[in-house]
Amino acid sequence: MYGRVLPTFFIFSVLSAAQTLTLDFATVPTPLTPQSLVAGDFNHDGKPDLAVTGSEGTIVILLGNGDGTFRTGQTIAVAAPATRILKADFNGDGNPDLAVMVGNSGQVAILLGKADGTFQAPADSGAKAPTGVFTPGNNPTMMAGDVDGDGKIDLILGPYSMASDSISVASASTM
């Protein structure tokens, strides 16, 4: 009988000890109008870096100083607008790569990481979000994962407009 009371009391104690979370925000200036961002250690120095997309059709890499501040690294031109961005190791070399939704048709460009905080020129992945008419303010979704079980990262794209009722999956072999 005591065995049942003690675990119940323990769970109650843990739940009642929850704390309130407060966040301190700092402004990080960027040389573009940010659309989306992703964090990763792009130069393998153990400090978080940021990749920021801009409506102007650029991606800026902000290299972390390890104290919450950043310095501007590489700026990469892609088609405008550059909306969503995703980090994954698409080619399996251990370096973070970037997938960026560009233009008004849901096209995705892949930028392979060089491990030094820079990326190769954008390459058309062949992946495209489900058809639909692009309208500003839509929030298409991009995710990465091995959805076909072949051990390679796949790209999953959500609808690019409210007129679409499907998603697209691009396997690594077709990108």
N, C-alpha and C. Protein backbone atom coordinates (compact mmCIF):
# COMPACT_ATOMS: atom_id res chain seq x y z
N MET A 1 0.81 -1.18 0.00
CA MET A 1 0.00 0.00 0.00
C MET A 1 0.87 1.26 0.00
N TYR A 2 1.95 1.26 0.75
CA TYR A 2 2.81 2.44 0.78
C TYR A 2 3.51 2.65 -0.55
N GLY A 3 3.75 1.56 -1.27
CA GLY A 3 4.42 1.67 -2.56
C GLY A 3 3.63 2.52 -3.56
N ARG A 4 2.33 2.55 -3.46
CA ARG A 4 1.52 3.35 -4.39
C ARG A 4 1.42 4.81 -3.96
N VAL A 5 1.44 5.09 -2.71
CA VAL A 5 1.31 6.46 -2.23
C VAL A 5 2.60 7.25 -2.49
N LEU A 6 3.74 6.64 -2.26
CA LEU A 6 5.01 7.33 -2.40
C LEU A 6 5.26 7.80 -3.84
N PRO A 7 5.09 6.96 -4.87
CA PRO A 7 5.30 7.45 -6.23
C PRO A 7 4.34 8.57 -6.60
N THR A 8 3.09 8.51 -6.17
CA THR A 8 2.13 9.56 -6.46
C THR A 8 2.58 10.86 -5.81
N PHE A 9 3.03 10.81 -4.58
CA PHE A 9 3.50 12.00 -3.88
C PHE A 9 4.74 12.57 -4.57
N PHE A 10 5.64 11.70 -5.00
CA PHE A 10 6.87 12.14 -5.68
C PHE A 10 6.53 12.88 -6.97
N ILE A 11 5.64 12.35 -7.78
CA ILE A 11 5.26 13.00 -9.02
C ILE A 11 4.65 14.36 -8.73
N PHE A 12 3.79 14.45 -7.74
CA PHE A 12 3.19 15.73 -7.38
C PHE A 12 4.26 16.72 -6.95
N SER A 13 5.25 16.27 -6.20
CA SER A 13 6.31 17.17 -5.74
C SER A 13 7.11 17.71 -6.91
N VAL A 14 7.43 16.87 -7.87
CA VAL A 14 8.21 17.32 -9.02
C VAL A 14 7.40 18.32 -9.84
N LEU A 15 6.14 18.04 -10.09
CA LEU A 15 5.31 18.94 -10.88
C LEU A 15 5.08 20.27 -10.17
N SER A 16 4.95 20.25 -8.85
CA SER A 16 4.69 21.50 -8.16
C SER A 16 5.95 22.35 -8.03
N ALA A 17 7.13 21.79 -8.29
CA ALA A 17 8.37 22.53 -8.17
C ALA A 17 8.76 23.22 -9.48
N ALA A 18 7.86 23.24 -10.48
CA ALA A 18 8.18 23.87 -11.76
C ALA A 18 8.48 25.35 -11.58
N GLN A 19 9.41 25.85 -12.39
CA GLN A 19 9.81 27.25 -12.29
C GLN A 19 9.35 28.03 -13.52
N THR A 20 9.26 29.32 -13.36
CA THR A 20 8.90 30.19 -14.47
C THR A 20 10.15 30.47 -15.29
N LEU A 21 10.00 30.44 -16.60
CA LEU A 21 11.10 30.71 -17.51
C LEU A 21 11.07 32.16 -17.95
N THR A 22 12.19 32.84 -17.84
CA THR A 22 12.31 34.19 -18.37
C THR A 22 13.48 34.21 -19.36
N LEU A 23 13.33 34.95 -20.42
CA LEU A 23 14.35 35.03 -21.45
C LEU A 23 14.85 36.47 -21.56
N ASP A 24 16.13 36.63 -21.71
CA ASP A 24 16.73 37.93 -21.97
C ASP A 24 17.02 38.02 -23.46
N PHE A 25 16.49 39.04 -24.10
CA PHE A 25 16.68 39.19 -25.54
C PHE A 25 17.71 40.28 -25.83
N ALA A 26 18.50 40.03 -26.86
CA ALA A 26 19.46 41.02 -27.34
C ALA A 26 19.22 41.19 -28.83
N THR A 27 19.45 42.36 -29.34
CA THR A 27 19.29 42.63 -30.76
C THR A 27 20.58 42.31 -31.49
N VAL A 28 20.48 41.52 -32.55
CA VAL A 28 21.63 41.19 -33.38
C VAL A 28 21.40 41.84 -34.74
N PRO A 29 22.18 42.86 -35.07
CA PRO A 29 21.99 43.52 -36.37
C PRO A 29 22.38 42.62 -37.53
N THR A 30 21.62 42.71 -38.62
CA THR A 30 21.92 41.96 -39.84
C THR A 30 21.96 42.93 -41.01
N PRO A 31 22.73 42.62 -42.04
CA PRO A 31 22.82 43.51 -43.20
C PRO A 31 21.70 43.29 -44.22
N LEU A 32 20.61 42.62 -43.82
CA LEU A 32 19.50 42.36 -44.72
C LEU A 32 18.19 42.40 -43.94
N THR A 33 17.07 42.29 -44.64
CA THR A 33 15.77 42.20 -44.00
C THR A 33 15.49 40.73 -43.73
N PRO A 34 15.61 40.27 -42.48
CA PRO A 34 15.51 38.84 -42.19
C PRO A 34 14.14 38.25 -42.51
N GLN A 35 14.15 37.06 -43.09
CA GLN A 35 12.94 36.30 -43.37
C GLN A 35 12.87 35.06 -42.49
N SER A 36 14.01 34.38 -42.35
CA SER A 36 14.07 33.13 -41.60
C SER A 36 15.51 32.93 -41.16
N LEU A 37 15.72 32.11 -40.15
CA LEU A 37 17.08 31.85 -39.71
C LEU A 37 17.19 30.45 -39.13
N VAL A 38 18.43 29.99 -39.06
CA VAL A 38 18.73 28.69 -38.48
C VAL A 38 20.09 28.78 -37.79
N ALA A 39 20.24 28.05 -36.70
CA ALA A 39 21.50 28.04 -35.95
C ALA A 39 22.25 26.74 -36.24
N GLY A 40 23.57 26.82 -36.19
CA GLY A 40 24.43 25.65 -36.37
C GLY A 40 25.87 26.07 -36.17
N ASP A 41 26.73 25.10 -35.97
CA ASP A 41 28.16 25.40 -35.84
C ASP A 41 28.78 25.22 -37.22
N PHE A 42 28.71 26.25 -38.04
CA PHE A 42 29.11 26.16 -39.44
C PHE A 42 30.62 26.12 -39.65
N ASN A 43 31.39 26.63 -38.68
CA ASN A 43 32.85 26.63 -38.82
C ASN A 43 33.53 25.69 -37.83
N HIS A 44 32.77 24.85 -37.17
CA HIS A 44 33.29 23.81 -36.26
C HIS A 44 34.21 24.36 -35.17
N ASP A 45 33.85 25.53 -34.60
CA ASP A 45 34.65 26.08 -33.50
C ASP A 45 33.97 25.90 -32.15
N GLY A 46 32.84 25.19 -32.12
CA GLY A 46 32.13 24.95 -30.88
C GLY A 46 31.21 26.09 -30.46
N LYS A 47 31.10 27.13 -31.28
CA LYS A 47 30.25 28.28 -30.97
C LYS A 47 29.10 28.34 -31.97
N PRO A 48 27.88 28.60 -31.50
CA PRO A 48 26.75 28.64 -32.43
C PRO A 48 26.85 29.80 -33.41
N ASP A 49 26.56 29.51 -34.66
CA ASP A 49 26.52 30.49 -35.74
C ASP A 49 25.08 30.58 -36.23
N LEU A 50 24.78 31.59 -37.03
CA LEU A 50 23.45 31.77 -37.60
C LEU A 50 23.54 31.90 -39.11
N ALA A 51 22.54 31.36 -39.81
CA ALA A 51 22.36 31.61 -41.24
C ALA A 51 21.01 32.30 -41.36
N VAL A 52 20.99 33.49 -41.97
CA VAL A 52 19.79 34.31 -42.05
C VAL A 52 19.45 34.54 -43.52
N THR A 53 18.17 34.30 -43.88
CA THR A 53 17.73 34.58 -45.24
C THR A 53 17.12 35.97 -45.30
N GLY A 54 17.18 36.58 -46.49
CA GLY A 54 16.62 37.91 -46.67
C GLY A 54 15.70 37.99 -47.87
N SER A 55 14.73 38.87 -47.76
CA SER A 55 13.79 39.05 -48.86
C SER A 55 14.49 39.54 -50.13
N GLU A 56 15.68 40.11 -49.96
CA GLU A 56 16.45 40.61 -51.10
C GLU A 56 17.05 39.49 -51.94
N GLY A 57 16.97 38.25 -51.46
CA GLY A 57 17.55 37.13 -52.19
C GLY A 57 18.96 36.82 -51.76
N THR A 58 19.26 37.05 -50.51
CA THR A 58 20.59 36.76 -49.98
C THR A 58 20.49 35.95 -48.70
N ILE A 59 21.60 35.29 -48.41
CA ILE A 59 21.78 34.58 -47.15
C ILE A 59 23.04 35.14 -46.53
N VAL A 60 22.98 35.48 -45.26
CA VAL A 60 24.14 35.98 -44.54
C VAL A 60 24.47 34.99 -43.44
N ILE A 61 25.74 34.63 -43.37
CA ILE A 61 26.23 33.77 -42.30
C ILE A 61 26.80 34.68 -41.21
N LEU A 62 26.27 34.54 -40.01
CA LEU A 62 26.75 35.29 -38.86
C LEU A 62 27.51 34.32 -37.96
N LEU A 63 28.81 34.53 -37.83
CA LEU A 63 29.66 33.63 -37.05
C LEU A 63 29.64 34.05 -35.59
N GLY A 64 29.36 33.09 -34.71
CA GLY A 64 29.24 33.38 -33.29
C GLY A 64 30.57 33.61 -32.63
N ASN A 65 30.60 34.59 -31.72
CA ASN A 65 31.80 34.87 -30.93
C ASN A 65 31.81 34.11 -29.61
N GLY A 66 30.72 33.40 -29.31
CA GLY A 66 30.64 32.61 -28.09
C GLY A 66 30.11 33.38 -26.89
N ASP A 67 29.79 34.66 -27.08
CA ASP A 67 29.29 35.48 -25.97
C ASP A 67 27.94 36.11 -26.30
N GLY A 68 27.24 35.57 -27.28
CA GLY A 68 25.95 36.11 -27.69
C GLY A 68 26.05 37.17 -28.78
N THR A 69 27.26 37.48 -29.22
CA THR A 69 27.45 38.43 -30.31
C THR A 69 27.93 37.67 -31.55
N PHE A 70 27.77 38.32 -32.70
CA PHE A 70 28.10 37.68 -33.97
C PHE A 70 28.85 38.65 -34.86
N ARG A 71 29.63 38.10 -35.78
CA ARG A 71 30.31 38.90 -36.79
C ARG A 71 29.85 38.38 -38.15
N THR A 72 29.75 39.28 -39.10
CA THR A 72 29.27 38.91 -40.42
C THR A 72 30.31 38.10 -41.16
N GLY A 73 29.88 36.97 -41.67
CA GLY A 73 30.73 36.10 -42.47
C GLY A 73 30.32 36.22 -43.93
N GLN A 74 30.19 35.10 -44.58
CA GLN A 74 29.88 35.04 -46.01
C GLN A 74 28.46 35.55 -46.30
N THR A 75 28.31 36.26 -47.41
CA THR A 75 27.01 36.64 -47.95
C THR A 75 26.85 35.91 -49.27
N ILE A 76 25.71 35.23 -49.43
CA ILE A 76 25.49 34.37 -50.59
C ILE A 76 24.24 34.85 -51.33
N ALA A 77 24.35 35.07 -52.62
CA ALA A 77 23.21 35.49 -53.44
C ALA A 77 22.44 34.27 -53.91
N VAL A 78 21.12 34.31 -53.73
CA VAL A 78 20.19 33.32 -54.25
C VAL A 78 19.03 34.08 -54.87
N ALA A 79 18.06 33.39 -55.41
CA ALA A 79 16.90 34.07 -56.00
C ALA A 79 16.06 34.72 -54.91
N ALA A 80 15.47 35.85 -55.24
CA ALA A 80 14.61 36.56 -54.30
C ALA A 80 13.16 36.12 -54.48
N PRO A 81 12.42 36.06 -53.42
CA PRO A 81 12.86 36.17 -52.05
C PRO A 81 13.44 34.86 -51.54
N ALA A 82 14.34 34.94 -50.59
CA ALA A 82 14.83 33.75 -49.89
C ALA A 82 14.01 33.65 -48.61
N THR A 83 13.12 32.68 -48.55
CA THR A 83 12.18 32.64 -47.43
C THR A 83 12.64 31.66 -46.36
N ARG A 84 12.30 30.43 -46.46
CA ARG A 84 12.63 29.45 -45.42
C ARG A 84 14.04 28.93 -45.58
N ILE A 85 14.65 28.55 -44.44
CA ILE A 85 16.00 27.97 -44.45
C ILE A 85 16.02 26.80 -43.48
N LEU A 86 16.82 25.81 -43.82
CA LEU A 86 16.92 24.58 -43.04
C LEU A 86 18.36 24.11 -43.02
N LYS A 87 18.80 23.59 -41.89
CA LYS A 87 20.16 23.05 -41.77
C LYS A 87 20.07 21.53 -41.65
N ALA A 88 20.87 20.84 -42.43
CA ALA A 88 20.99 19.38 -42.36
C ALA A 88 22.27 18.99 -43.11
N ASP A 89 22.73 17.78 -42.87
CA ASP A 89 23.90 17.28 -43.59
C ASP A 89 23.42 16.46 -44.78
N PHE A 90 23.12 17.13 -45.89
CA PHE A 90 22.51 16.47 -47.04
C PHE A 90 23.45 15.52 -47.76
N ASN A 91 24.76 15.80 -47.77
CA ASN A 91 25.68 14.92 -48.50
C ASN A 91 26.47 13.99 -47.60
N GLY A 92 26.18 13.98 -46.30
CA GLY A 92 26.78 13.01 -45.39
C GLY A 92 28.26 13.19 -45.11
N ASP A 93 28.80 14.40 -45.28
CA ASP A 93 30.22 14.62 -45.04
C ASP A 93 30.53 15.13 -43.63
N GLY A 94 29.51 15.27 -42.78
CA GLY A 94 29.72 15.74 -41.42
C GLY A 94 29.66 17.25 -41.26
N ASN A 95 29.49 17.97 -42.35
CA ASN A 95 29.38 19.43 -42.30
C ASN A 95 27.93 19.85 -42.50
N PRO A 96 27.48 20.85 -41.73
CA PRO A 96 26.10 21.31 -41.94
C PRO A 96 25.95 21.98 -43.30
N ASP A 97 24.88 21.62 -44.00
CA ASP A 97 24.52 22.20 -45.27
C ASP A 97 23.23 23.00 -45.07
N LEU A 98 22.87 23.81 -46.06
CA LEU A 98 21.66 24.62 -45.97
C LEU A 98 20.74 24.31 -47.14
N ALA A 99 19.44 24.25 -46.87
CA ALA A 99 18.41 24.21 -47.90
C ALA A 99 17.64 25.50 -47.75
N VAL A 100 17.43 26.21 -48.87
CA VAL A 100 16.77 27.50 -48.83
C VAL A 100 15.66 27.54 -49.87
N MET A 101 14.44 27.89 -49.45
CA MET A 101 13.34 28.05 -50.38
C MET A 101 13.50 29.43 -51.02
N VAL A 102 13.57 29.45 -52.34
CA VAL A 102 13.87 30.69 -53.06
C VAL A 102 12.83 30.95 -54.16
N GLY A 103 12.73 32.21 -54.55
CA GLY A 103 11.83 32.58 -55.63
C GLY A 103 10.38 32.49 -55.22
N ASN A 104 9.52 32.60 -56.19
CA ASN A 104 8.08 32.61 -55.93
C ASN A 104 7.40 31.30 -56.30
N SER A 105 8.18 30.25 -56.56
CA SER A 105 7.56 29.00 -57.00
C SER A 105 7.80 27.84 -56.05
N GLY A 106 8.45 28.08 -54.92
CA GLY A 106 8.71 27.00 -53.97
C GLY A 106 9.96 26.21 -54.29
N GLN A 107 10.80 26.71 -55.17
CA GLN A 107 12.06 26.04 -55.52
C GLN A 107 13.01 26.04 -54.33
N VAL A 108 13.82 25.00 -54.21
CA VAL A 108 14.75 24.88 -53.10
C VAL A 108 16.18 24.79 -53.62
N ALA A 109 17.04 25.64 -53.09
CA ALA A 109 18.47 25.61 -53.41
C ALA A 109 19.20 24.95 -52.25
N ILE A 110 20.24 24.18 -52.57
CA ILE A 110 21.07 23.53 -51.56
C ILE A 110 22.45 24.19 -51.58
N LEU A 111 22.97 24.52 -50.40
CA LEU A 111 24.30 25.08 -50.25
C LEU A 111 25.09 24.13 -49.38
N LEU A 112 26.12 23.51 -49.93
CA LEU A 112 26.93 22.55 -49.20
C LEU A 112 27.97 23.28 -48.36
N GLY A 113 28.06 22.90 -47.08
CA GLY A 113 28.99 23.54 -46.16
C GLY A 113 30.42 23.08 -46.38
N LYS A 114 31.37 24.00 -46.16
CA LYS A 114 32.79 23.70 -46.33
C LYS A 114 33.52 23.50 -45.00
N ALA A 115 32.82 23.55 -43.88
CA ALA A 115 33.38 23.34 -42.53
C ALA A 115 34.19 24.51 -42.01
N ASP A 116 34.29 25.60 -42.77
CA ASP A 116 35.04 26.77 -42.32
C ASP A 116 34.14 27.99 -42.15
N GLY A 117 32.82 27.77 -42.13
CA GLY A 117 31.87 28.87 -42.00
C GLY A 117 31.42 29.42 -43.33
N THR A 118 31.89 28.81 -44.43
CA THR A 118 31.46 29.23 -45.76
C THR A 118 30.73 28.07 -46.44
N PHE A 119 30.06 28.41 -47.53
CA PHE A 119 29.26 27.42 -48.26
C PHE A 119 29.57 27.52 -49.74
N GLN A 120 29.40 26.39 -50.43
CA GLN A 120 29.55 26.39 -51.89
C GLN A 120 28.40 27.18 -52.50
N ALA A 121 28.54 27.53 -53.76
CA ALA A 121 27.48 28.25 -54.47
C ALA A 121 26.18 27.45 -54.43
N PRO A 122 25.05 28.13 -54.38
CA PRO A 122 23.78 27.42 -54.35
C PRO A 122 23.56 26.59 -55.60
N ALA A 123 23.03 25.39 -55.40
CA ALA A 123 22.71 24.49 -56.51
C ALA A 123 21.22 24.17 -56.45
N ASP A 124 20.58 24.14 -57.59
CA ASP A 124 19.17 23.79 -57.65
C ASP A 124 19.03 22.34 -57.18
N SER A 125 18.20 22.12 -56.20
CA SER A 125 18.04 20.77 -55.66
C SER A 125 17.10 19.93 -56.51
N GLY A 126 16.32 20.58 -57.35
CA GLY A 126 15.29 19.86 -58.09
C GLY A 126 14.03 19.70 -57.27
N ALA A 127 14.13 19.95 -55.97
CA ALA A 127 12.96 19.85 -55.09
C ALA A 127 12.12 21.09 -55.22
N LYS A 128 10.82 20.90 -55.13
CA LYS A 128 9.90 22.02 -55.24
C LYS A 128 8.71 21.77 -54.33
N ALA A 129 8.27 22.83 -53.66
CA ALA A 129 7.09 22.72 -52.81
C ALA A 129 5.88 22.39 -53.68
N PRO A 130 4.83 21.82 -53.07
CA PRO A 130 3.63 21.52 -53.85
C PRO A 130 3.13 22.75 -54.59
N THR A 131 2.51 22.52 -55.73
CA THR A 131 2.06 23.62 -56.58
C THR A 131 1.05 24.50 -55.87
N GLY A 132 0.99 25.69 -56.30
CA GLY A 132 0.08 26.68 -55.75
C GLY A 132 0.62 28.04 -56.09
N VAL A 133 -0.17 29.04 -55.89
CA VAL A 133 0.23 30.39 -56.18
C VAL A 133 0.87 30.99 -54.94
N PHE A 134 2.09 31.49 -55.09
CA PHE A 134 2.78 32.11 -53.96
C PHE A 134 2.09 33.42 -53.61
N THR A 135 1.80 33.59 -52.36
CA THR A 135 1.30 34.87 -51.88
C THR A 135 2.13 35.26 -50.68
N PRO A 136 2.58 36.50 -50.63
CA PRO A 136 3.37 36.95 -49.48
C PRO A 136 2.61 36.68 -48.19
N GLY A 137 3.34 36.28 -47.19
CA GLY A 137 2.73 35.98 -45.90
C GLY A 137 2.47 34.49 -45.69
N ASN A 138 2.48 33.70 -46.77
CA ASN A 138 2.35 32.25 -46.59
C ASN A 138 3.60 31.76 -45.87
N ASN A 139 3.46 30.73 -45.11
CA ASN A 139 4.58 30.18 -44.36
C ASN A 139 4.82 28.74 -44.74
N PRO A 140 5.42 28.49 -45.91
CA PRO A 140 5.70 27.11 -46.30
C PRO A 140 6.65 26.46 -45.30
N THR A 141 6.56 25.18 -45.18
CA THR A 141 7.34 24.44 -44.21
C THR A 141 8.40 23.61 -44.90
N MET A 142 9.58 23.51 -44.28
CA MET A 142 10.64 22.61 -44.75
C MET A 142 11.13 21.83 -43.55
N MET A 143 11.32 20.54 -43.75
CA MET A 143 11.88 19.67 -42.72
C MET A 143 12.86 18.72 -43.38
N ALA A 144 13.75 18.15 -42.58
CA ALA A 144 14.69 17.15 -43.09
C ALA A 144 14.63 15.93 -42.20
N GLY A 145 14.76 14.78 -42.82
CA GLY A 145 14.78 13.52 -42.09
C GLY A 145 14.82 12.36 -43.07
N ASP A 146 15.16 11.21 -42.58
CA ASP A 146 15.22 10.02 -43.43
C ASP A 146 13.84 9.37 -43.45
N VAL A 147 12.96 9.85 -44.33
CA VAL A 147 11.60 9.34 -44.35
C VAL A 147 11.43 8.09 -45.21
N ASP A 148 12.40 7.77 -46.06
CA ASP A 148 12.27 6.57 -46.89
C ASP A 148 13.14 5.42 -46.40
N GLY A 149 13.84 5.61 -45.27
CA GLY A 149 14.59 4.52 -44.64
C GLY A 149 15.86 4.11 -45.35
N ASP A 150 16.42 4.95 -46.24
CA ASP A 150 17.63 4.57 -46.96
C ASP A 150 18.91 5.06 -46.29
N GLY A 151 18.80 5.69 -45.11
CA GLY A 151 19.97 6.18 -44.39
C GLY A 151 20.46 7.53 -44.85
N LYS A 152 19.75 8.17 -45.78
CA LYS A 152 20.13 9.50 -46.28
C LYS A 152 19.05 10.51 -45.91
N ILE A 153 19.48 11.75 -45.70
CA ILE A 153 18.55 12.81 -45.35
C ILE A 153 17.67 13.16 -46.54
N ASP A 154 16.37 13.25 -46.31
CA ASP A 154 15.40 13.65 -47.32
C ASP A 154 14.86 15.03 -46.97
N LEU A 155 14.31 15.71 -47.95
CA LEU A 155 13.76 17.04 -47.77
C LEU A 155 12.25 16.95 -47.90
N ILE A 156 11.53 17.44 -46.89
CA ILE A 156 10.07 17.42 -46.89
C ILE A 156 9.61 18.86 -46.98
N LEU A 157 8.76 19.15 -47.97
CA LEU A 157 8.30 20.52 -48.22
C LEU A 157 6.80 20.62 -48.04
N GLY A 158 6.40 21.61 -47.26
CA GLY A 158 4.98 21.85 -47.04
C GLY A 158 4.40 22.71 -48.13
N PRO A 159 3.10 22.93 -48.07
CA PRO A 159 2.44 23.72 -49.11
C PRO A 159 2.99 25.13 -49.20
N TYR A 160 3.07 25.63 -50.42
CA TYR A 160 3.55 26.98 -50.67
C TYR A 160 2.40 27.97 -50.77
N SER A 161 1.19 27.47 -50.69
CA SER A 161 0.03 28.35 -50.71
C SER A 161 -1.13 27.64 -50.04
N MET A 162 -2.13 28.39 -49.73
CA MET A 162 -3.33 27.81 -49.12
C MET A 162 -4.12 27.00 -50.13
N ALA A 163 -3.80 27.12 -51.43
CA ALA A 163 -4.52 26.40 -52.47
C ALA A 163 -4.03 24.96 -52.63
N SER A 164 -2.97 24.58 -51.93
CA SER A 164 -2.39 23.25 -52.08
C SER A 164 -2.82 22.36 -50.92
N ASP A 165 -3.08 21.10 -51.21
CA ASP A 165 -3.49 20.17 -50.16
C ASP A 165 -2.53 18.98 -50.08
N SER A 166 -1.24 19.22 -50.38
CA SER A 166 -0.28 18.12 -50.36
C SER A 166 1.08 18.62 -49.89
N ILE A 167 1.98 17.68 -49.66
CA ILE A 167 3.37 17.99 -49.34
C ILE A 167 4.26 17.30 -50.37
N SER A 168 5.52 17.70 -50.45
CA SER A 168 6.46 17.06 -51.37
C SER A 168 7.59 16.46 -50.57
N VAL A 169 8.09 15.31 -51.02
CA VAL A 169 9.24 14.66 -50.40
C VAL A 169 10.29 14.44 -51.48
N ALA A 170 11.49 14.98 -51.26
CA ALA A 170 12.61 14.81 -52.19
C ALA A 170 13.64 13.95 -51.51
N SER A 171 13.88 12.76 -52.04
CA SER A 171 14.89 11.90 -51.44
C SER A 171 16.27 12.39 -51.86
N ALA A 172 17.25 12.11 -51.04
CA ALA A 172 18.61 12.60 -51.27
C ALA A 172 19.14 12.17 -52.64
N SER A 173 18.71 11.04 -53.12
CA SER A 173 19.20 10.57 -54.42
C SER A 173 18.65 11.39 -55.57
N THR A 174 17.53 12.10 -55.36
CA THR A 174 16.95 12.89 -56.44
C THR A 174 17.28 14.37 -56.33
N MET A 175 17.97 14.77 -55.25
CA MET A 175 18.29 16.19 -55.08
C MET A 175 19.58 16.51 -55.80
